[in-house]
């Protein structure tokens, strides 16, 4: 599968990357190489190969716990937010188009 420069430009836009014309041409070639490699991998005969998984060990994950802090600590934390919406951290929406 080969991508066009326009398709790579569209992917860059979706990823919010600003690429120049030279970068788009370079990325188009790199995508072609990656897709050719994936094509080669898909042709490998894996019949009879058992799937291999490695479950995560319990000791490798931290427990999700809520921490209680006093009002002074809370005020310090909130004062360090670059942008707030009330007592919440304000962040740009994932699916919003960034303003230029």
PDB file of N, CA and C in Angstrom:
ATOM      1  N   UNK A   1       0.850  -1.173   0.000  1.00  0.00           N
ATOM      2  CA  UNK A   1       0.000   0.000   0.000  1.00  0.00           C
ATOM      3  C   UNK A   1       0.892   1.231   0.000  1.00  0.00           C
ATOM      4  N   UNK A   2       0.634   2.130  -0.885  1.00  0.00           N
ATOM      5  CA  UNK A   2       1.433   3.335  -0.982  1.00  0.00           C
ATOM      6  C   UNK A   2       0.549   4.546  -0.679  1.00  0.00           C
ATOM      7  N   UNK A   3       1.039   5.431   0.130  1.00  0.00           N
ATOM      8  CA  UNK A   3       0.298   6.640   0.472  1.00  0.00           C
ATOM      9  C   UNK A   3       0.748   7.795  -0.402  1.00  0.00           C
ATOM     10  N   UNK A   4      -0.178   8.693  -0.692  1.00  0.00           N
ATOM     11  CA  UNK A   4       0.164   9.896  -1.443  1.00  0.00           C
ATOM     12  C   UNK A   4       0.610  10.987  -0.478  1.00  0.00           C
ATOM     13  N   UNK A   5       1.215  12.022  -1.009  1.00  0.00           N
ATOM     14  CA  UNK A   5       1.650  13.153  -0.184  1.00  0.00           C
ATOM     15  C   UNK A   5       0.427  13.785   0.485  1.00  0.00           C
ATOM     16  N   UNK A   6      -0.699  13.830  -0.233  1.00  0.00           N
ATOM     17  CA  UNK A   6      -1.921  14.412   0.321  1.00  0.00           C
ATOM     18  C   UNK A   6      -2.415  13.593   1.510  1.00  0.00           C
ATOM     19  N   UNK A   7      -2.341  12.267   1.406  1.00  0.00           N
ATOM     20  CA  UNK A   7      -2.775  11.408   2.516  1.00  0.00           C
ATOM     21  C   UNK A   7      -1.874  11.582   3.735  1.00  0.00           C
ATOM     22  N   UNK A   8      -0.579  11.681   3.494  1.00  0.00           N
ATOM     23  CA  UNK A   8       0.362  11.900   4.598  1.00  0.00           C
ATOM     24  C   UNK A   8       0.113  13.268   5.224  1.00  0.00           C
ATOM     25  N   UNK A   9      -0.190  14.264   4.397  1.00  0.00           N
ATOM     26  CA  UNK A   9      -0.528  15.591   4.909  1.00  0.00           C
ATOM     27  C   UNK A   9      -1.765  15.551   5.784  1.00  0.00           C
ATOM     28  N   UNK A  10      -2.753  14.745   5.376  1.00  0.00           N
ATOM     29  CA  UNK A  10      -3.977  14.600   6.169  1.00  0.00           C
ATOM     30  C   UNK A  10      -3.664  13.919   7.502  1.00  0.00           C
ATOM     31  N   UNK A  11      -2.834  12.870   7.477  1.00  0.00           N
ATOM     32  CA  UNK A  11      -2.426  12.204   8.719  1.00  0.00           C
ATOM     33  C   UNK A  11      -1.694  13.181   9.646  1.00  0.00           C
ATOM     34  N   UNK A  12      -0.823  13.998   9.069  1.00  0.00           N
ATOM     35  CA  UNK A  12      -0.087  14.985   9.868  1.00  0.00           C
ATOM     36  C   UNK A  12      -1.049  15.976  10.503  1.00  0.00           C
ATOM     37  N   UNK A  13      -2.057  16.382   9.749  1.00  0.00           N
ATOM     38  CA  UNK A  13      -3.051  17.320  10.280  1.00  0.00           C
ATOM     39  C   UNK A  13      -3.823  16.684  11.436  1.00  0.00           C
ATOM     40  N   UNK A  14      -4.211  15.414  11.274  1.00  0.00           N
ATOM     41  CA  UNK A  14      -4.920  14.718  12.351  1.00  0.00           C
ATOM     42  C   UNK A  14      -4.055  14.605  13.593  1.00  0.00           C
ATOM     43  N   UNK A  15      -2.745  14.437  13.400  1.00  0.00           N
ATOM     44  CA  UNK A  15      -1.810  14.321  14.525  1.00  0.00           C
ATOM     45  C   UNK A  15      -1.354  15.690  15.014  1.00  0.00           C
ATOM     46  N   UNK A  16      -1.908  16.730  14.403  1.00  0.00           N
ATOM     47  CA  UNK A  16      -1.560  18.121  14.747  1.00  0.00           C
ATOM     48  C   UNK A  16      -0.076  18.405  14.575  1.00  0.00           C
ATOM     49  N   UNK A  17       0.470  17.894  13.477  1.00  0.00           N
ATOM     50  CA  UNK A  17       1.861  18.146  13.130  1.00  0.00           C
ATOM     51  C   UNK A  17       1.912  19.138  11.981  1.00  0.00           C
ATOM     52  N   UNK A  18       2.776  20.104  12.089  1.00  0.00           N
ATOM     53  CA  UNK A  18       2.963  21.050  11.000  1.00  0.00           C
ATOM     54  C   UNK A  18       4.217  20.620  10.237  1.00  0.00           C
ATOM     55  N   UNK A  19       4.024  20.061   9.048  1.00  0.00           N
ATOM     56  CA  UNK A  19       5.140  19.587   8.245  1.00  0.00           C
ATOM     57  C   UNK A  19       5.275  20.444   6.995  1.00  0.00           C
ATOM     58  N   UNK A  20       6.520  20.779   6.663  1.00  0.00           N
ATOM     59  CA  UNK A  20       6.788  21.491   5.429  1.00  0.00           C
ATOM     60  C   UNK A  20       6.742  20.534   4.250  1.00  0.00           C
ATOM     61  N   UNK A  21       6.875  21.073   3.045  1.00  0.00           N
ATOM     62  CA  UNK A  21       6.801  20.251   1.836  1.00  0.00           C
ATOM     63  C   UNK A  21       7.892  19.184   1.811  1.00  0.00           C
ATOM     64  N   UNK A  22       9.104  19.561   2.189  1.00  0.00           N
ATOM     65  CA  UNK A  22      10.213  18.595   2.207  1.00  0.00           C
ATOM     66  C   UNK A  22       9.963  17.489   3.220  1.00  0.00           C
ATOM     67  N   UNK A  23       9.453  17.874   4.391  1.00  0.00           N
ATOM     68  CA  UNK A  23       9.147  16.881   5.426  1.00  0.00           C
ATOM     69  C   UNK A  23       8.031  15.942   4.966  1.00  0.00           C
ATOM     70  N   UNK A  24       7.027  16.479   4.287  1.00  0.00           N
ATOM     71  CA  UNK A  24       5.948  15.634   3.778  1.00  0.00           C
ATOM     72  C   UNK A  24       6.480  14.609   2.786  1.00  0.00           C
ATOM     73  N   UNK A  25       7.374  15.033   1.909  1.00  0.00           N
ATOM     74  CA  UNK A  25       7.956  14.111   0.935  1.00  0.00           C
ATOM     75  C   UNK A  25       8.780  13.028   1.638  1.00  0.00           C
ATOM     76  N   UNK A  26       9.557  13.427   2.640  1.00  0.00           N
ATOM     77  CA  UNK A  26      10.358  12.470   3.402  1.00  0.00           C
ATOM     78  C   UNK A  26       9.457  11.474   4.124  1.00  0.00           C
ATOM     79  N   UNK A  27       8.422  11.994   4.791  1.00  0.00           N
ATOM     80  CA  UNK A  27       7.502  11.130   5.540  1.00  0.00           C
ATOM     81  C   UNK A  27       6.755  10.173   4.613  1.00  0.00           C
ATOM     82  N   UNK A  28       6.420  10.620   3.406  1.00  0.00           N
ATOM     83  CA  UNK A  28       5.723   9.762   2.451  1.00  0.00           C
ATOM     84  C   UNK A  28       6.599   8.557   2.107  1.00  0.00           C
ATOM     85  N   UNK A  29       7.883   8.791   1.881  1.00  0.00           N
ATOM     86  CA  UNK A  29       8.818   7.694   1.606  1.00  0.00           C
ATOM     87  C   UNK A  29       8.982   6.774   2.802  1.00  0.00           C
ATOM     88  N   UNK A  30       9.044   7.355   3.997  1.00  0.00           N
ATOM     89  CA  UNK A  30       9.207   6.547   5.202  1.00  0.00           C
ATOM     90  C   UNK A  30       7.972   5.693   5.465  1.00  0.00           C
ATOM     91  N   UNK A  31       6.787   6.278   5.252  1.00  0.00           N
ATOM     92  CA  UNK A  31       5.563   5.492   5.406  1.00  0.00           C
ATOM     93  C   UNK A  31       5.535   4.334   4.414  1.00  0.00           C
ATOM     94  N   UNK A  32       5.980   4.577   3.191  1.00  0.00           N
ATOM     95  CA  UNK A  32       6.008   3.515   2.181  1.00  0.00           C
ATOM     96  C   UNK A  32       6.896   2.364   2.653  1.00  0.00           C
ATOM     97  N   UNK A  33       8.062   2.683   3.208  1.00  0.00           N
ATOM     98  CA  UNK A  33       8.968   1.647   3.718  1.00  0.00           C
ATOM     99  C   UNK A  33       8.333   0.856   4.852  1.00  0.00           C
ATOM    100  N   UNK A  34       7.679   1.552   5.758  1.00  0.00           N
ATOM    101  CA  UNK A  34       7.039   0.887   6.894  1.00  0.00           C
ATOM    102  C   UNK A  34       5.932  -0.043   6.410  1.00  0.00           C
ATOM    103  N   UNK A  35       5.102   0.444   5.498  1.00  0.00           N
ATOM    104  CA  UNK A  35       3.990  -0.366   5.002  1.00  0.00           C
ATOM    105  C   UNK A  35       4.479  -1.572   4.205  1.00  0.00           C
ATOM    106  N   UNK A  36       5.584  -1.423   3.478  1.00  0.00           N
ATOM    107  CA  UNK A  36       6.165  -2.560   2.761  1.00  0.00           C
ATOM    108  C   UNK A  36       6.637  -3.623   3.759  1.00  0.00           C
ATOM    109  N   UNK A  37       7.241  -3.177   4.848  1.00  0.00           N
ATOM    110  CA  UNK A  37       7.721  -4.103   5.873  1.00  0.00           C
ATOM    111  C   UNK A  37       6.553  -4.832   6.534  1.00  0.00           C
ATOM    112  N   UNK A  38       5.489  -4.102   6.847  1.00  0.00           N
ATOM    113  CA  UNK A  38       4.303  -4.720   7.444  1.00  0.00           C
ATOM    114  C   UNK A  38       3.730  -5.752   6.480  1.00  0.00           C
ATOM    115  N   UNK A  39       3.723  -5.430   5.202  1.00  0.00           N
ATOM    116  CA  UNK A  39       3.256  -6.371   4.181  1.00  0.00           C
ATOM    117  C   UNK A  39       4.076  -7.661   4.209  1.00  0.00           C
ATOM    118  N   UNK A  40       5.393  -7.519   4.331  1.00  0.00           N
ATOM    119  CA  UNK A  40       6.275  -8.697   4.391  1.00  0.00           C
ATOM    120  C   UNK A  40       5.984  -9.534   5.634  1.00  0.00           C
ATOM    121  N   UNK A  41       5.767  -8.875   6.756  1.00  0.00           N
ATOM    122  CA  UNK A  41       5.489  -9.592   8.002  1.00  0.00           C
ATOM    123  C   UNK A  41       4.176 -10.363   7.896  1.00  0.00           C
ATOM    124  N   UNK A  42       3.186  -9.763   7.247  1.00  0.00           N
ATOM    125  CA  UNK A  42       1.885 -10.431   7.122  1.00  0.00           C
ATOM    126  C   UNK A  42       1.965 -11.694   6.270  1.00  0.00           C
ATOM    127  N   UNK A  43       2.999 -11.829   5.470  1.00  0.00           N
ATOM    128  CA  UNK A  43       3.143 -13.000   4.609  1.00  0.00           C
ATOM    129  C   UNK A  43       3.812 -14.176   5.325  1.00  0.00           C
ATOM    130  N   UNK A  44       4.299 -13.953   6.528  1.00  0.00           N
ATOM    131  CA  UNK A  44       4.956 -15.019   7.283  1.00  0.00           C
ATOM    132  C   UNK A  44       3.922 -16.049   7.714  1.00  0.00           C
ATOM    133  N   UNK A  45       4.242 -17.329   7.494  1.00  0.00           N
ATOM    134  CA  UNK A  45       3.333 -18.413   7.869  1.00  0.00           C
ATOM    135  C   UNK A  45       3.430 -18.651   9.377  1.00  0.00           C
ATOM    136  N   UNK A  46       2.354 -18.378  10.076  1.00  0.00           N
ATOM    137  CA  UNK A  46       2.330 -18.563  11.531  1.00  0.00           C
ATOM    138  C   UNK A  46       1.399 -19.697  11.941  1.00  0.00           C
ATOM    139  N   UNK A  47       1.036 -20.532  10.992  1.00  0.00           N
ATOM    140  CA  UNK A  47       0.153 -21.663  11.311  1.00  0.00           C
ATOM    141  C   UNK A  47       0.855 -22.575  12.317  1.00  0.00           C
ATOM    142  N   UNK A  48       0.144 -22.963  13.345  1.00  0.00           N
ATOM    143  CA  UNK A  48       0.699 -23.861  14.349  1.00  0.00           C
ATOM    144  C   UNK A  48       1.530 -23.174  15.412  1.00  0.00           C
ATOM    145  N   UNK A  49       1.673 -21.870  15.355  1.00  0.00           N
ATOM    146  CA  UNK A  49       2.446 -21.143  16.366  1.00  0.00           C
ATOM    147  C   UNK A  49       1.485 -20.735  17.480  1.00  0.00           C
ATOM    148  N   UNK A  50       1.812 -21.164  18.695  1.00  0.00           N
ATOM    149  CA  UNK A  50       0.973 -20.835  19.848  1.00  0.00           C
ATOM    150  C   UNK A  50       1.128 -19.358  20.195  1.00  0.00           C
ATOM    151  N   UNK A  51       0.011 -18.685  20.500  1.00  0.00           N
ATOM    152  CA  UNK A  51       0.123 -17.287  20.939  1.00  0.00           C
ATOM    153  C   UNK A  51       0.876 -17.216  22.266  1.00  0.00           C
ATOM    154  N   UNK A  52       1.641 -16.165  22.444  1.00  0.00           N
ATOM    155  CA  UNK A  52       2.422 -15.985  23.660  1.00  0.00           C
ATOM    156  C   UNK A  52       1.992 -14.683  24.327  1.00  0.00           C
ATOM    157  N   UNK A  53       1.630 -14.773  25.575  1.00  0.00           N
ATOM    158  CA  UNK A  53       1.304 -13.575  26.337  1.00  0.00           C
ATOM    159  C   UNK A  53       2.046 -13.631  27.662  1.00  0.00           C
ATOM    160  N   UNK A  54       2.303 -12.471  28.196  1.00  0.00           N
ATOM    161  CA  UNK A  54       2.974 -12.392  29.493  1.00  0.00           C
ATOM    162  C   UNK A  54       2.122 -11.505  30.392  1.00  0.00           C
ATOM    163  N   UNK A  55       1.320 -12.114  31.244  1.00  0.00           N
ATOM    164  CA  UNK A  55       0.452 -11.291  32.093  1.00  0.00           C
ATOM    165  C   UNK A  55       1.275 -10.418  33.028  1.00  0.00           C
ATOM    166  N   UNK A  56       0.765  -9.233  33.263  1.00  0.00           N
ATOM    167  CA  UNK A  56       1.449  -8.312  34.176  1.00  0.00           C
ATOM    168  C   UNK A  56       1.393  -8.868  35.592  1.00  0.00           C
ATOM    169  N   UNK A  57       2.473  -8.716  36.292  1.00  0.00           N
ATOM    170  CA  UNK A  57       2.531  -9.176  37.672  1.00  0.00           C
ATOM    171  C   UNK A  57       1.910  -8.116  38.578  1.00  0.00           C
ATOM    172  N   UNK A  58       1.235  -8.571  39.608  1.00  0.00           N
ATOM    173  CA  UNK A  58       0.561  -7.648  40.515  1.00  0.00           C
ATOM    174  C   UNK A  58       1.517  -6.637  41.139  1.00  0.00           C
ATOM    175  N   UNK A  59       2.721  -7.078  41.443  1.00  0.00           N
ATOM    176  CA  UNK A  59       3.641  -6.154  42.112  1.00  0.00           C
ATOM    177  C   UNK A  59       4.174  -5.069  41.174  1.00  0.00           C
ATOM    178  N   UNK A  60       3.910  -5.181  39.877  1.00  0.00           N
ATOM    179  CA  UNK A  60       4.388  -4.179  38.927  1.00  0.00           C
ATOM    180  C   UNK A  60       3.449  -3.002  38.751  1.00  0.00           C
ATOM    181  N   UNK A  61       2.265  -3.061  39.346  1.00  0.00           N
ATOM    182  CA  UNK A  61       1.279  -2.004  39.178  1.00  0.00           C
ATOM    183  C   UNK A  61       1.046  -1.310  40.511  1.00  0.00           C
ATOM    184  N   UNK A  62       0.867  -0.025  40.448  1.00  0.00           N
ATOM    185  CA  UNK A  62       0.532   0.685  41.686  1.00  0.00           C
ATOM    186  C   UNK A  62      -0.983   0.693  41.838  1.00  0.00           C
ATOM    187  N   UNK A  63      -1.426   0.681  43.050  1.00  0.00           N
ATOM    188  CA  UNK A  63      -2.860   0.723  43.325  1.00  0.00           C
ATOM    189  C   UNK A  63      -3.370   2.142  43.084  1.00  0.00           C
ATOM    190  N   UNK A  64      -4.558   2.248  42.554  1.00  0.00           N
ATOM    191  CA  UNK A  64      -5.171   3.545  42.320  1.00  0.00           C
ATOM    192  C   UNK A  64      -5.872   3.973  43.596  1.00  0.00           C
ATOM    193  N   UNK A  65      -5.253   4.886  44.301  1.00  0.00           N
ATOM    194  CA  UNK A  65      -5.786   5.319  45.585  1.00  0.00           C
ATOM    195  C   UNK A  65      -6.010   6.822  45.590  1.00  0.00           C
ATOM    196  N   UNK A  66      -7.054   7.236  46.251  1.00  0.00           N
ATOM    197  CA  UNK A  66      -7.310   8.662  46.424  1.00  0.00           C
ATOM    198  C   UNK A  66      -6.517   9.148  47.631  1.00  0.00           C
ATOM    199  N   UNK A  67      -5.910  10.303  47.512  1.00  0.00           N
ATOM    200  CA  UNK A  67      -5.138  10.865  48.616  1.00  0.00           C
ATOM    201  C   UNK A  67      -5.863  12.101  49.149  1.00  0.00           C
ATOM    202  N   UNK A  68      -5.926  12.204  50.435  1.00  0.00           N
ATOM    203  CA  UNK A  68      -6.576  13.335  51.078  1.00  0.00           C
ATOM    204  C   UNK A  68      -5.498  14.334  51.471  1.00  0.00           C
ATOM    205  N   UNK A  69      -5.775  15.612  51.220  1.00  0.00           N
ATOM    206  CA  UNK A  69      -4.819  16.644  51.646  1.00  0.00           C
ATOM    207  C   UNK A  69      -5.591  17.765  52.332  1.00  0.00           C
ATOM    208  N   UNK A  70      -4.881  18.548  53.107  1.00  0.00           N
ATOM    209  CA  UNK A  70      -5.530  19.654  53.803  1.00  0.00           C
ATOM    210  C   UNK A  70      -5.746  20.825  52.836  1.00  0.00           C
ATOM    211  N   UNK A  71      -6.463  21.838  53.281  1.00  0.00           N
ATOM    212  CA  UNK A  71      -6.806  22.977  52.423  1.00  0.00           C
ATOM    213  C   UNK A  71      -5.569  23.732  51.934  1.00  0.00           C
ATOM    214  N   UNK A  72      -4.550  23.840  52.770  1.00  0.00           N
ATOM    215  CA  UNK A  72      -3.336  24.568  52.377  1.00  0.00           C
ATOM    216  C   UNK A  72      -2.625  23.845  51.230  1.00  0.00           C
ATOM    217  N   UNK A  73      -2.493  22.539  51.352  1.00  0.00           N
ATOM    218  CA  UNK A  73      -1.854  21.762  50.281  1.00  0.00           C
ATOM    219  C   UNK A  73      -2.678  21.825  49.002  1.00  0.00           C
ATOM    220  N   UNK A  74      -3.994  21.771  49.160  1.00  0.00           N
ATOM    221  CA  UNK A  74      -4.884  21.852  47.997  1.00  0.00           C
ATOM    222  C   UNK A  74      -4.726  23.190  47.289  1.00  0.00           C
ATOM    223  N   UNK A  75      -4.638  24.275  48.044  1.00  0.00           N
ATOM    224  CA  UNK A  75      -4.453  25.601  47.450  1.00  0.00           C
ATOM    225  C   UNK A  75      -3.127  25.698  46.706  1.00  0.00           C
ATOM    226  N   UNK A  76      -2.081  25.103  47.257  1.00  0.00           N
ATOM    227  CA  UNK A  76      -0.772  25.107  46.585  1.00  0.00           C
ATOM    228  C   UNK A  76      -0.855  24.345  45.268  1.00  0.00           C
ATOM    229  N   UNK A  77      -1.496  23.195  45.292  1.00  0.00           N
ATOM    230  CA  UNK A  77      -1.637  22.389  44.078  1.00  0.00           C
ATOM    231  C   UNK A  77      -2.421  23.165  43.019  1.00  0.00           C
ATOM    232  N   UNK A  78      -3.560  23.743  43.412  1.00  0.00           N
ATOM    233  CA  UNK A  78      -4.391  24.487  42.464  1.00  0.00           C
ATOM    234  C   UNK A  78      -3.672  25.718  41.917  1.00  0.00           C
ATOM    235  N   UNK A  79      -2.845  26.347  42.731  1.00  0.00           N
ATOM    236  CA  UNK A  79      -2.133  27.548  42.275  1.00  0.00           C
ATOM    237  C   UNK A  79      -1.087  27.222  41.207  1.00  0.00           C
ATOM    238  N   UNK A  80      -0.684  25.964  41.117  1.00  0.00           N
ATOM    239  CA  UNK A  80       0.305  25.563  40.120  1.00  0.00           C
ATOM    240  C   UNK A  80      -0.306  25.158  38.784  1.00  0.00           C
ATOM    241  N   UNK A  81      -1.640  25.079  38.692  1.00  0.00           N
ATOM    242  CA  UNK A  81      -2.279  24.754  37.418  1.00  0.00           C
ATOM    243  C   UNK A  81      -2.064  25.912  36.449  1.00  0.00           C
ATOM    244  N   UNK A  82      -1.649  25.633  35.229  1.00  0.00           N
ATOM    245  CA  UNK A  82      -1.462  26.719  34.257  1.00  0.00           C
ATOM    246  C   UNK A  82      -2.799  27.342  33.843  1.00  0.00           C
ATOM    247  N   UNK A  83      -3.861  26.555  33.881  1.00  0.00           N
ATOM    248  CA  UNK A  83      -5.178  27.037  33.490  1.00  0.00           C
ATOM    249  C   UNK A  83      -6.209  26.241  34.276  1.00  0.00           C
ATOM    250  N   UNK A  84      -7.207  26.962  34.835  1.00  0.00           N
ATOM    251  CA  UNK A  84      -8.184  26.284  35.689  1.00  0.00           C
ATOM    252  C   UNK A  84      -9.598  26.541  35.207  1.00  0.00           C
ATOM    253  N   UNK A  85     -10.462  25.590  35.515  1.00  0.00           N
ATOM    254  CA  UNK A  85     -11.904  25.743  35.369  1.00  0.00           C
ATOM    255  C   UNK A  85     -12.471  25.404  36.732  1.00  0.00           C
ATOM    256  N   UNK A  86     -12.633  26.423  37.571  1.00  0.00           N
ATOM    257  CA  UNK A  86     -13.028  26.180  38.959  1.00  0.00           C
ATOM    258  C   UNK A  86     -11.878  25.514  39.684  1.00  0.00           C
ATOM    259  N   UNK A  87     -12.124  24.363  40.279  1.00  0.00           N
ATOM    260  CA  UNK A  87     -11.075  23.622  40.988  1.00  0.00           C
ATOM    261  C   UNK A  87     -10.489  22.507  40.127  1.00  0.00           C
ATOM    262  N   UNK A  88     -10.740  22.553  38.828  1.00  0.00           N
ATOM    263  CA  UNK A  88     -10.254  21.517  37.921  1.00  0.00           C
ATOM    264  C   UNK A  88      -9.169  22.070  37.003  1.00  0.00           C
ATOM    265  N   UNK A  89      -8.285  21.191  36.569  1.00  0.00           N
ATOM    266  CA  UNK A  89      -7.266  21.559  35.596  1.00  0.00           C
ATOM    267  C   UNK A  89      -7.937  21.692  34.236  1.00  0.00           C
ATOM    268  N   UNK A  90      -7.810  22.839  33.596  1.00  0.00           N
ATOM    269  CA  UNK A  90      -8.385  23.049  32.267  1.00  0.00           C
ATOM    270  C   UNK A  90      -7.348  22.636  31.226  1.00  0.00           C
ATOM    271  N   UNK A  91      -7.763  21.804  30.301  1.00  0.00           N
ATOM    272  CA  UNK A  91      -6.876  21.330  29.240  1.00  0.00           C
ATOM    273  C   UNK A  91      -7.625  21.405  27.921  1.00  0.00           C
ATOM    274  N   UNK A  92      -6.903  21.592  26.806  1.00  0.00           N
ATOM    275  CA  UNK A  92      -7.588  21.658  25.521  1.00  0.00           C
ATOM    276  C   UNK A  92      -8.263  20.328  25.208  1.00  0.00           C
ATOM    277  N   UNK A  93      -9.409  20.391  24.545  1.00  0.00           N
ATOM    278  CA  UNK A  93     -10.133  19.185  24.165  1.00  0.00           C
ATOM    279  C   UNK A  93      -9.346  18.379  23.130  1.00  0.00           C
ATOM    280  N   UNK A  94      -9.422  17.086  23.235  1.00  0.00           N
ATOM    281  CA  UNK A  94      -8.691  16.206  22.336  1.00  0.00           C
ATOM    282  C   UNK A  94      -9.234  16.323  20.921  1.00  0.00           C
ATOM    283  N   UNK A  95     -10.527  16.473  20.763  1.00  0.00           N
ATOM    284  CA  UNK A  95     -11.143  16.470  19.442  1.00  0.00           C
ATOM    285  C   UNK A  95     -11.458  17.868  18.928  1.00  0.00           C
ATOM    286  N   UNK A  96     -10.903  18.894  19.559  1.00  0.00           N
ATOM    287  CA  UNK A  96     -11.100  20.254  19.095  1.00  0.00           C
ATOM    288  C   UNK A  96      -9.961  20.641  18.177  1.00  0.00           C
ATOM    289  N   UNK A  97     -10.258  21.406  17.153  1.00  0.00           N
ATOM    290  CA  UNK A  97      -9.227  21.903  16.257  1.00  0.00           C
ATOM    291  C   UNK A  97      -8.513  23.051  16.955  1.00  0.00           C
ATOM    292  N   UNK A  98      -7.184  22.999  17.032  1.00  0.00           N
ATOM    293  CA  UNK A  98      -6.449  24.058  17.724  1.00  0.00           C
ATOM    294  C   UNK A  98      -6.589  25.380  16.974  1.00  0.00           C
ATOM    295  N   UNK A  99      -6.649  26.473  17.732  1.00  0.00           N
ATOM    296  CA  UNK A  99      -6.750  27.812  17.144  1.00  0.00           C
ATOM    297  C   UNK A  99      -5.373  28.225  16.651  1.00  0.00           C
ATOM    298  N   UNK A 100      -5.348  28.832  15.482  1.00  0.00           N
ATOM    299  CA  UNK A 100      -4.059  29.264  14.904  1.00  0.00           C
ATOM    300  C   UNK A 100      -3.881  30.740  15.035  1.00  0.00           C
TER     301      UNK A 100
END
